[in-house]
């Protein structure tokens, strides 16, 4: 992808009216392309002028099966198109020689692909557009016990462990290594697949940590106690959106809820940096429910081109997806499944 095409992409994205999510910028696609050799970008050109009027980043698999760029780690997916382009999903898939295009975090407003969605989900957000003080005031009213408890734990942490210090944009590579080690241990402890055991994800995160484009920059935030990191988060930011991605903390300090303290400090620093929205990402979690002010809608599913290969895609993906949806929509069953995963994780750790 040339720089001229990347600039056309940015201009189309800016005119879309969608939140400026950094996962939807060309820098993220380029970073994924550097670690995923089957990454591609479809460029749609105006028939008269030859100018780019649309882009679809994707990864191409066997039998023409396509998937959103960085599927499994990307928290916002879709194409970037000129409004009113008049292109159909089937035409686009045909042009890419794809039998299907799978997504799990399709952003709202993706008119080509939303009709193919199998499920709609919420991605909780923290809106600090009116400033952190306004957010904190609303949080005190909405969740007074949560806010008081978290503030008290931060004071207690300072008294018992040392001076509490927060860095919004930490550049020390050692802090990133610490975060990744914590996160890997958390995945194993909770019975989940360790994402950082996959080389391409580890390399991708390190490359994005060094990315400093205006609308796609890596941000490592760290909460220190007596100069020792106790909680950290790595995400991507644009001028106005911080996409929360990989949070973790030192289990030794769990009683102080350092992850919650970190998120409140992040919200305050983000508002001070001109960011109006923190996207916490899809998925249920108590801390998200406590912190959020609302939510964005995202979708999962697949756009398919009729044919034998599309049928094979459906058979390989749909039964598993439906099983996950069945569990996710039943809190009691989901809680039991999580408890089982955690028990398995503890057994593995031992």
Protein backbone atom coordinates (compact mmCIF):
# COMPACT_ATOMS: atom_id res chain seq x y z
CA UNK A 1 0.00 0.00 0.00
CA UNK A 2 1.51 3.29 -1.10
CA UNK A 3 1.58 6.37 1.09
CA UNK A 4 -0.83 8.09 -1.34
CA UNK A 5 -3.29 5.24 -0.84
CA UNK A 6 -2.82 5.40 2.93
CA UNK A 7 -3.59 9.11 2.85
CA UNK A 8 -6.73 8.47 0.77
CA UNK A 9 -7.71 5.87 3.37
CA UNK A 10 -7.29 8.43 6.17
CA UNK A 11 -9.36 11.02 4.32
CA UNK A 12 -12.19 8.54 3.69
CA UNK A 13 -12.09 7.46 7.31
CA UNK A 14 -12.18 11.05 8.56
CA UNK A 15 -15.30 11.72 6.45
CA UNK A 16 -17.10 8.60 7.70
CA UNK A 17 -18.33 10.18 10.94
CA UNK A 18 -17.42 7.02 12.90
CA UNK A 19 -15.40 7.24 16.13
CA UNK A 20 -11.70 7.56 15.26
CA UNK A 21 -10.78 4.06 16.38
CA UNK A 22 -7.04 3.41 15.85
CA UNK A 23 -7.66 -0.20 14.79
CA UNK A 24 -9.30 1.23 11.66
CA UNK A 25 -6.24 3.20 10.59
CA UNK A 26 -3.75 2.07 7.90
CA UNK A 27 -0.94 1.93 10.48
CA UNK A 28 -2.60 -0.97 12.27
CA UNK A 29 -3.09 -2.86 9.00
CA UNK A 30 0.53 -2.25 8.02
CA UNK A 31 1.71 -3.52 11.40
CA UNK A 32 -0.36 -6.70 11.05
CA UNK A 33 0.90 -7.11 7.50
CA UNK A 34 4.48 -7.09 8.76
CA UNK A 35 3.82 -10.17 10.93
CA UNK A 36 1.04 -11.94 9.00
CA UNK A 37 2.22 -12.84 5.46
CA UNK A 38 -1.32 -13.51 4.19
CA UNK A 39 -2.54 -10.02 5.08
CA UNK A 40 -3.98 -8.10 2.14
CA UNK A 41 -5.70 -4.78 1.35
CA UNK A 42 -8.34 -4.59 -1.36
CA UNK A 43 -8.37 -1.17 -3.01
CA UNK A 44 -11.61 -0.09 -4.70
CA UNK A 45 -11.07 2.49 -7.43
CA UNK A 46 -13.40 4.93 -9.13
CA UNK A 47 -14.05 3.63 -12.65
CA UNK A 48 -13.77 7.10 -14.14
CA UNK A 49 -10.85 8.69 -12.28
CA UNK A 50 -9.01 5.65 -10.94
CA UNK A 51 -8.90 7.27 -7.52
CA UNK A 52 -9.20 5.05 -4.43
CA UNK A 53 -12.74 5.13 -3.03
CA UNK A 54 -12.60 2.16 -0.68
CA UNK A 55 -10.31 -0.18 1.24
CA UNK A 56 -10.86 -3.57 2.85
CA UNK A 57 -8.03 -4.98 4.97
CA UNK A 58 -8.21 -8.75 5.38
CA UNK A 59 -6.27 -11.95 5.81
CA UNK A 60 -6.69 -14.69 3.25
CA UNK A 61 -6.79 -18.32 4.30
CA UNK A 62 -7.32 -21.67 2.64
CA UNK A 63 -10.10 -22.16 0.09
CA UNK A 64 -10.55 -18.42 -0.21
CA UNK A 65 -11.67 -17.96 3.37
CA UNK A 66 -11.06 -14.41 4.48
CA UNK A 67 -11.02 -12.85 7.91
CA UNK A 68 -10.77 -9.36 9.33
CA UNK A 69 -7.24 -8.07 9.64
CA UNK A 70 -5.77 -9.20 12.95
CA UNK A 71 -8.86 -11.25 13.81
CA UNK A 72 -8.58 -12.41 17.40
CA UNK A 73 -6.80 -9.29 18.61
CA UNK A 74 -8.30 -6.40 16.62
CA UNK A 75 -11.10 -4.71 18.54
CA UNK A 76 -12.64 -2.77 15.66
CA UNK A 77 -13.06 -4.12 12.12
CA UNK A 78 -14.53 -3.26 8.78
CA UNK A 79 -13.85 -1.54 5.50
CA UNK A 80 -13.27 2.13 4.73
CA UNK A 81 -15.49 3.31 1.88
CA UNK A 82 -16.77 6.47 0.29
CA UNK A 83 -20.38 7.06 1.38
CA UNK A 84 -22.92 5.90 -1.19
CA UNK A 85 -20.37 3.82 -3.07
CA UNK A 86 -23.03 1.40 -4.33
CA UNK A 87 -20.85 -1.67 -3.91
CA UNK A 88 -22.26 -4.96 -2.61
CA UNK A 89 -20.51 -7.35 -0.24
CA UNK A 90 -20.78 -10.08 -2.88
CA UNK A 91 -19.05 -7.91 -5.50
CA UNK A 92 -16.30 -7.04 -3.06
CA UNK A 93 -15.72 -10.67 -2.07
CA UNK A 94 -15.65 -11.68 -5.73
CA UNK A 95 -13.04 -9.03 -6.47
CA UNK A 96 -10.92 -10.34 -3.59
CA UNK A 97 -11.42 -13.99 -4.63
CA UNK A 98 -12.90 -14.67 -1.21
CA UNK A 99 -15.63 -17.16 -0.43
CA UNK A 100 -16.22 -15.54 2.97
CA UNK A 101 -15.04 -12.68 5.18
CA UNK A 102 -15.26 -13.37 8.91
CA UNK A 103 -15.42 -10.72 11.63
CA UNK A 104 -15.86 -10.63 15.41
CA UNK A 105 -15.68 -6.89 16.17
CA UNK A 106 -17.36 -5.27 13.18
CA UNK A 107 -18.10 -1.64 13.95
CA UNK A 108 -21.59 -0.23 13.68
CA UNK A 109 -22.36 1.55 10.42
CA UNK A 110 -20.61 -0.98 8.16
CA UNK A 111 -23.53 -1.16 5.71
CA UNK A 112 -21.91 -3.79 3.48
CA UNK A 113 -21.44 -6.32 6.27
CA UNK A 114 -23.89 -5.66 9.12
CA UNK A 115 -26.69 -7.55 7.30
CA UNK A 116 -24.45 -10.64 7.43
CA UNK A 117 -23.91 -10.39 11.21
CA UNK A 118 -24.96 -13.34 13.32
CA UNK A 119 -24.87 -11.51 16.66
CA UNK A 120 -24.73 -7.96 18.01
CA UNK A 121 -22.69 -7.23 21.14
CA UNK A 122 -21.83 -4.27 23.33
CA UNK A 123 -18.38 -2.75 23.62
CA UNK A 124 -18.48 -0.72 26.88
CA UNK A 125 -17.02 2.79 26.76
CA UNK A 126 -15.99 5.55 29.14
CA UNK A 127 -17.03 8.96 27.82
CA UNK A 128 -14.77 11.71 29.15
CA UNK A 129 -15.65 14.19 26.42
CA UNK A 130 -16.90 16.67 29.02
CA UNK A 131 -13.72 16.26 31.07
CA UNK A 132 -12.65 13.89 33.80
CA UNK A 133 -14.26 15.93 36.58
CA UNK A 134 -17.68 15.47 34.96
CA UNK A 135 -17.06 11.74 34.57
CA UNK A 136 -15.97 11.39 38.19
CA UNK A 137 -19.00 13.32 39.43
CA UNK A 138 -21.33 11.04 37.47
CA UNK A 139 -19.45 7.97 38.73
CA UNK A 140 -19.85 9.11 42.33
CA UNK A 141 -23.61 9.32 41.79
CA UNK A 142 -24.00 6.13 39.74
CA UNK A 143 -21.62 3.90 41.72
CA UNK A 144 -20.85 5.67 45.00
CA UNK A 145 -19.69 2.55 46.86
CA UNK A 146 -17.41 1.51 43.98
CA UNK A 147 -15.77 4.92 43.77
CA UNK A 148 -15.31 5.29 47.54
CA UNK A 149 -13.84 1.80 47.84
CA UNK A 150 -11.42 2.28 44.95
CA UNK A 151 -10.25 5.67 46.26
CA UNK A 152 -9.77 4.21 49.74
CA UNK A 153 -7.72 1.33 48.33
CA UNK A 154 -5.47 3.77 46.48
CA UNK A 155 -4.82 5.70 49.70
CA UNK A 156 -4.17 2.44 51.57
CA UNK A 157 -1.79 1.30 48.82
CA UNK A 158 0.20 4.51 49.24
CA UNK A 159 0.35 4.17 53.03
CA UNK A 160 1.32 0.51 53.10
CA UNK A 161 3.48 0.03 50.01
CA UNK A 162 4.98 3.40 49.09
CA UNK A 163 4.38 6.44 46.91
CA UNK A 164 1.83 5.85 44.13
CA UNK A 165 2.88 7.22 40.76
CA UNK A 166 1.17 6.99 37.37
CA UNK A 167 2.69 7.35 33.90
CA UNK A 168 0.21 7.63 31.04
CA UNK A 169 2.66 7.11 28.17
CA UNK A 170 5.58 5.03 29.46
CA UNK A 171 8.38 4.38 26.96
CA UNK A 172 10.45 1.90 29.01
CA UNK A 173 10.56 -1.45 27.14
CA UNK A 174 11.05 -3.24 30.46
CA UNK A 175 7.59 -2.10 31.57
CA UNK A 176 6.04 -3.57 28.43
CA UNK A 177 7.83 -6.88 29.05
CA UNK A 178 6.47 -6.89 32.60
CA UNK A 179 2.93 -6.29 31.37
CA UNK A 180 3.17 -9.10 28.82
CA UNK A 181 4.49 -11.49 31.48
CA UNK A 182 1.61 -10.60 33.81
CA UNK A 183 -0.91 -11.04 31.02
CA UNK A 184 0.50 -14.43 29.99
CA UNK A 185 0.29 -15.60 33.61
CA UNK A 186 -3.30 -14.32 33.82
CA UNK A 187 -4.30 -16.21 30.68
CA UNK A 188 -2.84 -19.43 32.08
CA UNK A 189 -4.29 -18.84 35.55
CA UNK A 190 -7.80 -18.40 34.14
CA UNK A 191 -7.56 -21.36 31.75
CA UNK A 192 -7.45 -19.25 28.61
CA UNK A 193 -5.14 -19.44 25.63
CA UNK A 194 -2.02 -17.36 26.14
CA UNK A 195 -2.08 -14.85 23.31
CA UNK A 196 1.51 -13.81 23.90
CA UNK A 197 2.65 -17.39 23.37
CA UNK A 198 1.87 -16.67 19.71
CA UNK A 199 4.96 -15.03 18.29
CA UNK A 200 3.08 -12.85 15.80
CA UNK A 201 1.00 -11.24 18.56
CA UNK A 202 4.05 -10.52 20.74
CA UNK A 203 5.90 -8.98 17.79
CA UNK A 204 2.82 -7.00 16.73
CA UNK A 205 2.40 -5.46 20.18
CA UNK A 206 6.07 -4.47 20.34
CA UNK A 207 5.89 -2.86 16.89
CA UNK A 208 2.73 -0.97 17.75
CA UNK A 209 4.33 0.20 20.99
CA UNK A 210 6.88 2.03 18.80
CA UNK A 211 4.21 3.45 16.45
CA UNK A 212 3.60 7.17 16.87
CA UNK A 213 1.21 8.13 14.04
CA UNK A 214 -1.33 10.86 14.93
CA UNK A 215 -4.31 8.49 14.66
CA UNK A 216 -2.66 5.21 15.64
CA UNK A 217 -0.12 5.28 18.44
CA UNK A 218 0.79 2.70 21.03
CA UNK A 219 0.25 3.85 24.63
CA UNK A 220 1.65 1.98 27.63
CA UNK A 221 0.23 3.23 30.94
CA UNK A 222 1.81 2.09 34.20
CA UNK A 223 0.87 2.44 37.87
CA UNK A 224 3.96 2.42 40.07
CA UNK A 225 4.32 2.02 43.82
CA UNK A 226 7.70 3.03 45.19
CA UNK A 227 8.95 2.84 41.57
CA UNK A 228 7.74 -0.76 41.26
CA UNK A 229 5.11 -1.42 38.55
CA UNK A 230 1.94 -2.90 40.05
CA UNK A 231 -0.52 -2.48 37.16
CA UNK A 232 -0.18 -1.65 33.48
CA UNK A 233 -2.16 -1.36 30.28
CA UNK A 234 -1.18 -1.28 26.63
CA UNK A 235 -3.59 0.08 24.06
CA UNK A 236 -3.84 2.16 20.91
CA UNK A 237 -4.93 5.77 20.66
CA UNK A 238 -6.02 8.20 18.00
CA UNK A 239 -6.51 11.89 18.60
CA UNK A 240 -9.87 11.28 20.29
CA UNK A 241 -10.19 7.55 21.12
CA UNK A 242 -8.17 5.26 23.39
CA UNK A 243 -8.80 1.59 22.58
CA UNK A 244 -8.17 -0.37 25.75
CA UNK A 245 -6.45 -3.63 24.83
CA UNK A 246 -4.17 -5.46 27.28
CA UNK A 247 -4.59 -4.60 31.00
CA UNK A 248 -2.92 -6.62 33.78
CA UNK A 249 -1.58 -6.24 37.30
CA UNK A 250 0.76 -7.87 39.78
CA UNK A 251 -1.31 -10.46 41.73
CA UNK A 252 0.75 -9.68 44.84
CA UNK A 253 -1.13 -6.37 45.05
CA UNK A 254 -4.58 -7.73 44.17
CA UNK A 255 -6.17 -6.68 47.48
CA UNK A 256 -5.65 -3.03 46.50
CA UNK A 257 -7.45 -3.40 43.12
CA UNK A 258 -4.56 -1.75 41.22
CA UNK A 259 -6.26 -2.42 37.87
CA UNK A 260 -9.24 -0.26 38.84
CA UNK A 261 -6.96 2.49 40.15
CA UNK A 262 -5.04 2.32 36.87
CA UNK A 263 -8.19 2.69 34.76
CA UNK A 264 -9.37 5.74 36.69
CA UNK A 265 -5.95 7.34 36.32
CA UNK A 266 -5.99 6.47 32.59
CA UNK A 267 -9.40 8.10 32.16
CA UNK A 268 -8.14 11.26 33.85
CA UNK A 269 -4.94 11.39 31.80
CA UNK A 270 -6.76 10.60 28.56
CA UNK A 271 -9.21 13.44 29.11
CA UNK A 272 -6.26 15.75 29.77
CA UNK A 273 -4.70 14.64 26.48
CA UNK A 274 -7.80 15.54 24.48
CA UNK A 275 -9.17 12.00 24.24
CA UNK A 276 -12.94 11.88 24.61
CA UNK A 277 -13.65 8.15 24.57
CA UNK A 278 -12.06 5.06 26.12
CA UNK A 279 -13.28 1.90 24.38
CA UNK A 280 -13.02 -0.98 26.87
CA UNK A 281 -13.66 -3.65 24.24
CA UNK A 282 -16.39 -6.28 23.98
CA UNK A 283 -16.73 -8.93 26.63
CA UNK A 284 -18.36 -9.05 30.04
CA UNK A 285 -16.32 -7.98 33.07
CA UNK A 286 -17.28 -6.48 36.41
CA UNK A 287 -14.74 -3.67 36.14
CA UNK A 288 -16.20 -2.64 32.77
CA UNK A 289 -19.70 -2.50 34.22
CA UNK A 290 -18.44 -0.33 37.08
CA UNK A 291 -16.48 2.10 34.90
CA UNK A 292 -18.56 2.42 31.74
CA UNK A 293 -20.83 5.31 30.82
CA UNK A 294 -22.40 3.55 27.83
CA UNK A 295 -21.53 1.24 24.98
CA UNK A 296 -20.92 0.93 21.25
CA UNK A 297 -22.44 -1.84 19.19
CA UNK A 298 -20.17 -4.35 17.46
CA UNK A 299 -21.01 -7.46 15.47
CA UNK A 300 -19.71 -10.95 14.82
CA UNK A 301 -20.44 -13.19 11.89
CA UNK A 302 -19.33 -13.63 8.30
CA UNK A 303 -20.25 -12.26 4.89
CA UNK A 304 -20.30 -15.21 2.47
CA UNK A 305 -20.44 -15.58 -1.28
CA UNK A 306 -22.91 -18.33 -2.27
CA UNK A 307 -21.20 -21.55 -3.28
CA UNK A 308 -19.67 -24.77 -2.00
CA UNK A 309 -16.80 -23.00 -0.24
CA UNK A 310 -19.23 -20.77 1.64
CA UNK A 311 -21.09 -23.88 2.82
CA UNK A 312 -17.82 -25.35 4.07
CA UNK A 313 -17.12 -22.13 5.95
CA UNK A 314 -20.55 -22.27 7.59
CA UNK A 315 -20.05 -25.88 8.67
CA UNK A 316 -16.61 -25.16 10.13
CA UNK A 317 -17.55 -22.00 12.03
CA UNK A 318 -21.26 -21.69 12.74
CA UNK A 319 -21.82 -24.61 15.18
CA UNK A 320 -18.96 -23.39 17.42
CA UNK A 321 -20.12 -19.78 17.24
CA UNK A 322 -23.67 -20.75 18.18
CA UNK A 323 -22.40 -22.74 21.16
CA UNK A 324 -20.40 -19.74 22.38
CA UNK A 325 -23.41 -17.46 21.94
CA UNK A 326 -25.65 -19.89 23.85
CA UNK A 327 -23.29 -19.84 26.83
CA UNK A 328 -22.61 -16.08 26.66
CA UNK A 329 -26.32 -15.22 26.75
CA UNK A 330 -26.88 -17.24 29.94
CA UNK A 331 -25.02 -15.59 32.85
CA UNK A 332 -25.31 -18.61 35.14
CA UNK A 333 -23.90 -20.97 32.55
CA UNK A 334 -21.22 -18.45 31.56
CA UNK A 335 -20.17 -18.14 35.20
CA UNK A 336 -19.93 -21.90 35.53
CA UNK A 337 -17.85 -22.09 32.35
CA UNK A 338 -15.49 -19.39 33.64
CA UNK A 339 -15.10 -21.16 36.99
CA UNK A 340 -14.27 -24.40 35.16
CA UNK A 341 -11.66 -22.62 33.02
CA UNK A 342 -10.11 -21.10 36.14
CA UNK A 343 -9.88 -24.49 37.86
CA UNK A 344 -8.22 -25.95 34.78
CA UNK A 345 -5.83 -23.02 34.70
CA UNK A 346 -4.81 -23.53 38.33
CA UNK A 347 -4.15 -27.19 37.63
CA UNK A 348 -1.91 -26.26 34.70
CA UNK A 349 0.00 -23.68 36.75
CA UNK A 350 0.72 -26.23 39.47
